[in-house]
Structures are given as C-alpha cells and as structure tokens.
Amino acid sequence: ATPRIGVGMLAWSSESEYLATRNDNMPHSLWIWSPTSVKPVAVLEFETSICSFKWDPVRPRLAIAIGDRSIATWSKQDGVSMLQLHNNDWQDATKGIRWNPNGNSLLLVSKQHLLHVPL
C-alpha cells in the first residue's frame, strides 16, 4: 500500500480568520495558518495522532480529538487546553466532532458511541 502524504484534513474557522491543516505524514501535528499572511499562527504537537478537528461556530476556537482519549481546544487568546475523557464507555477513537450551535459543548462521535462534552 502506498503511504498517505499531503494535507488530509483541513478546516476554516467560522470567520475565515484561520485555516487548520493536518498533513497525513505528520499525524501528530496540527498547523494553524493565517490566510492573509500565508504564515503559520501556531503549530500544535501531540503525543498521539490527531483523529479529527472542528472550529467553534461562535468564536475562533478549535476542538481537536486526539487518539489517547483526549480533547484539546486551541484559541490564539487562550492557547491549548487539554480535557481527558473519563467515560469508561469511550474506548474507540473519535471519528468526528460536532459543536453545539452556541459553542458551549461538543458531541464526539466514534464507531459505536456518541458523547456529549460540556465546555
């Protein structure tokens, strides 16, 4: 099998202020870009692979699902915050993230479960 290379995940922030990308041959790194300057604003490094990420619909805050049952959030104002998932039913890798429309909670999706995470 041919290894995957290049940008495999990307997402624009709600106001198009930032673009987040994950390169498939660097699955532990997330790049956050300013599209106006075409320069990275931040590069986030994690110990395990990034499974999914999604921007907050209300403000420029990014939720990042990490393979070790963790969720990170990033904003330029607050930096990175980590949240460890302690739900015993949450054993699968997170396949998707959905924000509540008001930006105060997340819904995590795995192969077999949904998990509501208030922020």
Foldseek 3Di string as FASTA:
>chain_A
DDQAFAWPDWDAAQVNQWIWTDTRVQQQWIFIAGVVVRDTPDIDGDPAGWQEKDAQNPDGKMWIFGQVQKIWIADSVPGIDIDHDPDPVPDFGFNYWDADNVRQWIWTDGPPDIDIGGD
